[in-house]
Amino acid sequence: MSKQTGEGVDWLEMGSDDSEIFVFGDDGSEVVGKLLQVETNVGDYGSNLYHIETENGPVAIWGTQIIDRRLARVGVGQMVKIKYLGTRKSERSGRNYKDFKVFVKNE
């Protein structure tokens, strides 16, 4: 994050380097916090990158098909919880994928 001054107002520049990338580990690991920003078309694969302010500081989570679909109706500023359920095998394709539950705080 870099600080810039212009026309008497201080501005903080936001970018993908502000947050540590969170990597889901064991089944049941989760991230809870306020959705700060959604970057689209990031990196070589054009993925979404979700910035979340947790009680331990900001983190970023790479979107997956499941995370993207489930966060599509969640607005910036809302409290979210993303829980990793582990690797599953798709009945349709036979491929393995990472499964998640995504919650939004009911306010």
N, C-alpha and C. Protein backbone atom coordinates (compact mmCIF):
# COMPACT_ATOMS: atom_id res chain seq x y z
N MET A 1 0.86 -1.16 0.00
CA MET A 1 0.00 0.00 0.00
C MET A 1 0.91 1.23 0.00
N SER A 2 0.66 2.17 -0.88
CA SER A 2 1.45 3.38 -0.89
C SER A 2 0.55 4.58 -0.62
N LYS A 3 1.13 5.57 0.04
CA LYS A 3 0.36 6.75 0.41
C LYS A 3 0.71 7.88 -0.56
N GLN A 4 -0.33 8.53 -1.08
CA GLN A 4 -0.13 9.65 -1.99
C GLN A 4 -0.94 10.83 -1.49
N THR A 5 -0.44 12.02 -1.79
CA THR A 5 -1.14 13.24 -1.39
C THR A 5 -1.51 14.01 -2.65
N GLY A 6 -2.73 14.51 -2.70
CA GLY A 6 -3.16 15.30 -3.85
C GLY A 6 -4.28 16.22 -3.46
N GLU A 7 -4.17 17.47 -3.86
CA GLU A 7 -5.20 18.47 -3.62
C GLU A 7 -5.67 18.50 -2.16
N GLY A 8 -4.74 18.40 -1.23
CA GLY A 8 -5.07 18.51 0.17
C GLY A 8 -5.69 17.26 0.79
N VAL A 9 -5.77 16.17 0.04
CA VAL A 9 -6.38 14.95 0.54
C VAL A 9 -5.35 13.83 0.48
N ASP A 10 -5.25 13.06 1.56
CA ASP A 10 -4.35 11.90 1.56
C ASP A 10 -5.08 10.70 1.00
N TRP A 11 -4.42 9.96 0.15
CA TRP A 11 -5.00 8.77 -0.48
C TRP A 11 -4.10 7.58 -0.23
N LEU A 12 -4.69 6.42 -0.01
CA LEU A 12 -3.95 5.17 0.09
C LEU A 12 -4.24 4.35 -1.14
N GLU A 13 -3.19 3.96 -1.86
CA GLU A 13 -3.38 3.16 -3.05
C GLU A 13 -3.55 1.70 -2.67
N MET A 14 -4.61 1.07 -3.16
CA MET A 14 -4.89 -0.33 -2.88
C MET A 14 -4.46 -1.17 -4.07
N GLY A 15 -3.92 -2.34 -3.77
CA GLY A 15 -3.51 -3.24 -4.84
C GLY A 15 -3.36 -4.63 -4.32
N SER A 16 -3.10 -5.56 -5.21
CA SER A 16 -3.04 -6.97 -4.83
C SER A 16 -1.85 -7.28 -3.92
N ASP A 17 -0.86 -6.38 -3.85
CA ASP A 17 0.29 -6.64 -2.99
C ASP A 17 0.04 -6.26 -1.55
N ASP A 18 -1.16 -5.76 -1.22
CA ASP A 18 -1.48 -5.34 0.14
C ASP A 18 -1.76 -6.51 1.07
N SER A 19 -2.20 -7.61 0.54
CA SER A 19 -2.68 -8.72 1.34
C SER A 19 -1.82 -9.95 1.13
N GLU A 20 -1.62 -10.67 2.21
CA GLU A 20 -0.93 -11.95 2.12
C GLU A 20 -1.88 -12.97 1.50
N ILE A 21 -1.39 -13.76 0.56
CA ILE A 21 -2.23 -14.79 -0.06
C ILE A 21 -2.47 -15.89 0.97
N PHE A 22 -3.74 -16.17 1.22
CA PHE A 22 -4.12 -17.22 2.16
C PHE A 22 -4.26 -18.52 1.39
N VAL A 23 -3.61 -19.57 1.88
CA VAL A 23 -3.70 -20.89 1.26
C VAL A 23 -4.44 -21.80 2.24
N PHE A 24 -5.55 -22.36 1.79
CA PHE A 24 -6.32 -23.27 2.64
C PHE A 24 -5.51 -24.54 2.85
N GLY A 25 -5.40 -24.95 4.11
CA GLY A 25 -4.63 -26.14 4.45
C GLY A 25 -5.53 -27.33 4.66
N ASP A 26 -5.64 -27.73 5.91
CA ASP A 26 -6.42 -28.91 6.26
C ASP A 26 -7.91 -28.68 6.05
N ASP A 27 -8.63 -29.79 5.90
CA ASP A 27 -10.09 -29.70 5.83
C ASP A 27 -10.58 -28.94 7.06
N GLY A 28 -11.50 -28.04 6.84
CA GLY A 28 -12.06 -27.26 7.93
C GLY A 28 -11.38 -25.92 8.16
N SER A 29 -10.24 -25.66 7.49
CA SER A 29 -9.63 -24.34 7.66
C SER A 29 -10.55 -23.30 7.05
N GLU A 30 -10.52 -22.09 7.61
CA GLU A 30 -11.46 -21.08 7.16
C GLU A 30 -10.89 -19.68 7.29
N VAL A 31 -11.51 -18.77 6.55
CA VAL A 31 -11.20 -17.35 6.62
C VAL A 31 -12.49 -16.63 6.96
N VAL A 32 -12.42 -15.73 7.95
CA VAL A 32 -13.58 -14.95 8.36
C VAL A 32 -13.17 -13.49 8.39
N GLY A 33 -13.98 -12.64 7.76
CA GLY A 33 -13.68 -11.22 7.79
C GLY A 33 -14.54 -10.43 6.83
N LYS A 34 -14.19 -9.16 6.69
CA LYS A 34 -14.93 -8.24 5.83
C LYS A 34 -14.34 -8.25 4.42
N LEU A 35 -15.20 -8.45 3.42
CA LEU A 35 -14.77 -8.41 2.03
C LEU A 35 -14.42 -6.97 1.67
N LEU A 36 -13.15 -6.74 1.36
CA LEU A 36 -12.67 -5.39 1.09
C LEU A 36 -12.68 -5.02 -0.38
N GLN A 37 -12.32 -6.00 -1.21
CA GLN A 37 -12.12 -5.70 -2.63
C GLN A 37 -12.16 -7.00 -3.42
N VAL A 38 -12.64 -6.92 -4.65
CA VAL A 38 -12.61 -8.06 -5.57
C VAL A 38 -11.89 -7.60 -6.82
N GLU A 39 -10.77 -8.23 -7.12
CA GLU A 39 -10.06 -7.95 -8.37
C GLU A 39 -10.44 -9.04 -9.37
N THR A 40 -10.70 -8.65 -10.59
CA THR A 40 -11.07 -9.61 -11.63
C THR A 40 -9.98 -9.67 -12.69
N ASN A 41 -9.95 -10.81 -13.38
CA ASN A 41 -9.02 -11.02 -14.49
C ASN A 41 -7.56 -10.81 -14.06
N VAL A 42 -7.19 -11.45 -12.96
CA VAL A 42 -5.85 -11.31 -12.40
C VAL A 42 -5.00 -12.53 -12.79
N GLY A 43 -3.77 -12.29 -13.13
CA GLY A 43 -2.81 -13.36 -13.40
C GLY A 43 -2.99 -14.03 -14.75
N ASP A 44 -2.22 -15.09 -14.94
CA ASP A 44 -2.19 -15.81 -16.21
C ASP A 44 -3.51 -16.45 -16.58
N TYR A 45 -4.33 -16.78 -15.58
CA TYR A 45 -5.57 -17.50 -15.84
C TYR A 45 -6.81 -16.61 -15.73
N GLY A 46 -6.62 -15.30 -15.54
CA GLY A 46 -7.74 -14.38 -15.46
C GLY A 46 -8.66 -14.66 -14.28
N SER A 47 -8.06 -14.98 -13.14
CA SER A 47 -8.83 -15.36 -11.94
C SER A 47 -9.30 -14.15 -11.16
N ASN A 48 -10.24 -14.39 -10.24
CA ASN A 48 -10.64 -13.38 -9.27
C ASN A 48 -9.74 -13.49 -8.05
N LEU A 49 -9.48 -12.35 -7.43
CA LEU A 49 -8.70 -12.31 -6.20
C LEU A 49 -9.52 -11.52 -5.19
N TYR A 50 -9.86 -12.17 -4.07
CA TYR A 50 -10.73 -11.58 -3.05
C TYR A 50 -9.87 -11.11 -1.88
N HIS A 51 -10.00 -9.84 -1.52
CA HIS A 51 -9.27 -9.27 -0.39
C HIS A 51 -10.21 -9.20 0.80
N ILE A 52 -9.78 -9.80 1.91
CA ILE A 52 -10.61 -9.90 3.10
C ILE A 52 -9.82 -9.40 4.31
N GLU A 53 -10.44 -8.52 5.08
CA GLU A 53 -9.82 -8.03 6.33
C GLU A 53 -10.23 -8.97 7.46
N THR A 54 -9.26 -9.72 7.98
CA THR A 54 -9.52 -10.64 9.08
C THR A 54 -9.04 -9.99 10.38
N GLU A 55 -9.31 -10.64 11.49
CA GLU A 55 -8.84 -10.08 12.78
C GLU A 55 -7.32 -10.11 12.87
N ASN A 56 -6.65 -10.89 12.00
CA ASN A 56 -5.19 -10.97 11.98
C ASN A 56 -4.58 -10.14 10.86
N GLY A 57 -5.40 -9.33 10.19
CA GLY A 57 -4.91 -8.49 9.10
C GLY A 57 -5.48 -8.92 7.76
N PRO A 58 -5.12 -8.20 6.71
CA PRO A 58 -5.69 -8.49 5.40
C PRO A 58 -5.08 -9.74 4.77
N VAL A 59 -5.95 -10.50 4.10
CA VAL A 59 -5.50 -11.66 3.33
C VAL A 59 -6.18 -11.59 1.96
N ALA A 60 -5.62 -12.31 1.01
CA ALA A 60 -6.21 -12.43 -0.31
C ALA A 60 -6.43 -13.91 -0.60
N ILE A 61 -7.54 -14.20 -1.25
CA ILE A 61 -7.89 -15.58 -1.59
C ILE A 61 -8.14 -15.65 -3.09
N TRP A 62 -7.49 -16.59 -3.75
CA TRP A 62 -7.74 -16.81 -5.17
C TRP A 62 -9.11 -17.44 -5.35
N GLY A 63 -9.83 -16.95 -6.33
CA GLY A 63 -11.13 -17.52 -6.64
C GLY A 63 -11.01 -18.89 -7.29
N THR A 64 -11.99 -19.70 -7.02
CA THR A 64 -12.16 -20.98 -7.71
C THR A 64 -13.56 -20.92 -8.31
N GLN A 65 -13.92 -21.88 -9.11
CA GLN A 65 -15.26 -21.87 -9.69
C GLN A 65 -16.32 -21.82 -8.58
N ILE A 66 -16.10 -22.58 -7.52
CA ILE A 66 -17.07 -22.62 -6.41
C ILE A 66 -17.07 -21.30 -5.64
N ILE A 67 -15.90 -20.80 -5.26
CA ILE A 67 -15.84 -19.55 -4.51
C ILE A 67 -16.42 -18.41 -5.34
N ASP A 68 -16.06 -18.32 -6.61
CA ASP A 68 -16.57 -17.24 -7.47
C ASP A 68 -18.09 -17.27 -7.55
N ARG A 69 -18.64 -18.45 -7.78
CA ARG A 69 -20.10 -18.57 -7.91
C ARG A 69 -20.80 -18.18 -6.62
N ARG A 70 -20.24 -18.59 -5.48
CA ARG A 70 -20.91 -18.35 -4.20
C ARG A 70 -20.71 -16.93 -3.68
N LEU A 71 -19.65 -16.25 -4.12
CA LEU A 71 -19.44 -14.86 -3.69
C LEU A 71 -20.01 -13.86 -4.69
N ALA A 72 -20.58 -14.32 -5.78
CA ALA A 72 -21.06 -13.43 -6.84
C ALA A 72 -22.09 -12.42 -6.34
N ARG A 73 -22.90 -12.79 -5.37
CA ARG A 73 -23.95 -11.88 -4.88
C ARG A 73 -23.56 -11.19 -3.56
N VAL A 74 -22.33 -11.35 -3.14
CA VAL A 74 -21.87 -10.73 -1.90
C VAL A 74 -21.22 -9.40 -2.24
N GLY A 75 -21.59 -8.37 -1.52
CA GLY A 75 -21.05 -7.04 -1.79
C GLY A 75 -19.83 -6.71 -0.95
N VAL A 76 -19.00 -5.84 -1.48
CA VAL A 76 -17.85 -5.34 -0.74
C VAL A 76 -18.38 -4.70 0.55
N GLY A 77 -17.71 -4.98 1.65
CA GLY A 77 -18.12 -4.46 2.95
C GLY A 77 -18.88 -5.46 3.79
N GLN A 78 -19.34 -6.54 3.17
CA GLN A 78 -20.07 -7.56 3.93
C GLN A 78 -19.09 -8.52 4.60
N MET A 79 -19.54 -9.09 5.73
CA MET A 79 -18.76 -10.07 6.46
C MET A 79 -18.97 -11.44 5.81
N VAL A 80 -17.87 -12.14 5.56
CA VAL A 80 -17.93 -13.45 4.92
C VAL A 80 -17.13 -14.48 5.71
N LYS A 81 -17.50 -15.73 5.51
CA LYS A 81 -16.73 -16.85 6.05
C LYS A 81 -16.61 -17.86 4.93
N ILE A 82 -15.37 -18.26 4.63
CA ILE A 82 -15.11 -19.26 3.60
C ILE A 82 -14.43 -20.44 4.28
N LYS A 83 -15.09 -21.59 4.21
CA LYS A 83 -14.61 -22.79 4.89
C LYS A 83 -14.23 -23.85 3.86
N TYR A 84 -13.01 -24.35 3.98
CA TYR A 84 -12.51 -25.39 3.08
C TYR A 84 -13.00 -26.75 3.54
N LEU A 85 -13.63 -27.48 2.65
CA LEU A 85 -14.18 -28.81 2.97
C LEU A 85 -13.30 -29.96 2.52
N GLY A 86 -12.26 -29.66 1.77
CA GLY A 86 -11.36 -30.70 1.30
C GLY A 86 -11.53 -30.97 -0.19
N THR A 87 -10.81 -31.96 -0.65
CA THR A 87 -10.86 -32.34 -2.06
C THR A 87 -11.97 -33.35 -2.27
N ARG A 88 -12.74 -33.13 -3.32
CA ARG A 88 -13.84 -34.02 -3.69
C ARG A 88 -13.64 -34.49 -5.12
N LYS A 89 -14.30 -35.56 -5.48
CA LYS A 89 -14.26 -36.05 -6.86
C LYS A 89 -15.61 -35.78 -7.50
N SER A 90 -15.59 -35.10 -8.63
CA SER A 90 -16.81 -34.79 -9.35
C SER A 90 -17.42 -36.07 -9.91
N GLU A 91 -18.72 -36.26 -9.63
CA GLU A 91 -19.41 -37.44 -10.18
C GLU A 91 -19.54 -37.34 -11.69
N ARG A 92 -19.71 -36.11 -12.17
CA ARG A 92 -19.92 -35.91 -13.60
C ARG A 92 -18.64 -36.08 -14.42
N SER A 93 -17.57 -35.40 -13.99
CA SER A 93 -16.34 -35.42 -14.80
C SER A 93 -15.29 -36.41 -14.30
N GLY A 94 -15.41 -36.82 -13.03
CA GLY A 94 -14.41 -37.71 -12.46
C GLY A 94 -13.16 -36.98 -11.98
N ARG A 95 -13.12 -35.66 -12.14
CA ARG A 95 -11.95 -34.88 -11.72
C ARG A 95 -12.06 -34.47 -10.26
N ASN A 96 -10.90 -34.28 -9.64
CA ASN A 96 -10.86 -33.78 -8.27
C ASN A 96 -10.96 -32.27 -8.26
N TYR A 97 -11.62 -31.73 -7.24
CA TYR A 97 -11.73 -30.28 -7.08
C TYR A 97 -11.74 -29.96 -5.59
N LYS A 98 -11.41 -28.71 -5.26
CA LYS A 98 -11.44 -28.24 -3.88
C LYS A 98 -12.84 -27.70 -3.60
N ASP A 99 -13.45 -28.19 -2.51
CA ASP A 99 -14.81 -27.80 -2.17
C ASP A 99 -14.81 -26.82 -1.01
N PHE A 100 -15.74 -25.88 -1.05
CA PHE A 100 -15.85 -24.83 -0.02
C PHE A 100 -17.30 -24.60 0.33
N LYS A 101 -17.52 -24.14 1.56
CA LYS A 101 -18.79 -23.54 1.94
C LYS A 101 -18.52 -22.06 2.11
N VAL A 102 -19.44 -21.23 1.64
CA VAL A 102 -19.29 -19.79 1.74
C VAL A 102 -20.50 -19.23 2.44
N PHE A 103 -20.26 -18.39 3.45
CA PHE A 103 -21.33 -17.81 4.26
C PHE A 103 -21.20 -16.29 4.20
N VAL A 104 -22.33 -15.61 4.33
CA VAL A 104 -22.34 -14.16 4.49
C VAL A 104 -23.11 -13.87 5.78
N LYS A 105 -22.62 -12.91 6.55
CA LYS A 105 -23.28 -12.60 7.82
C LYS A 105 -24.62 -11.95 7.55
N ASN A 106 -25.63 -12.45 8.22
CA ASN A 106 -27.00 -11.97 8.08
C ASN A 106 -27.15 -10.73 8.95
N GLU A 107 -27.12 -9.56 8.32
CA GLU A 107 -27.20 -8.30 9.09
C GLU A 107 -28.47 -7.57 8.79
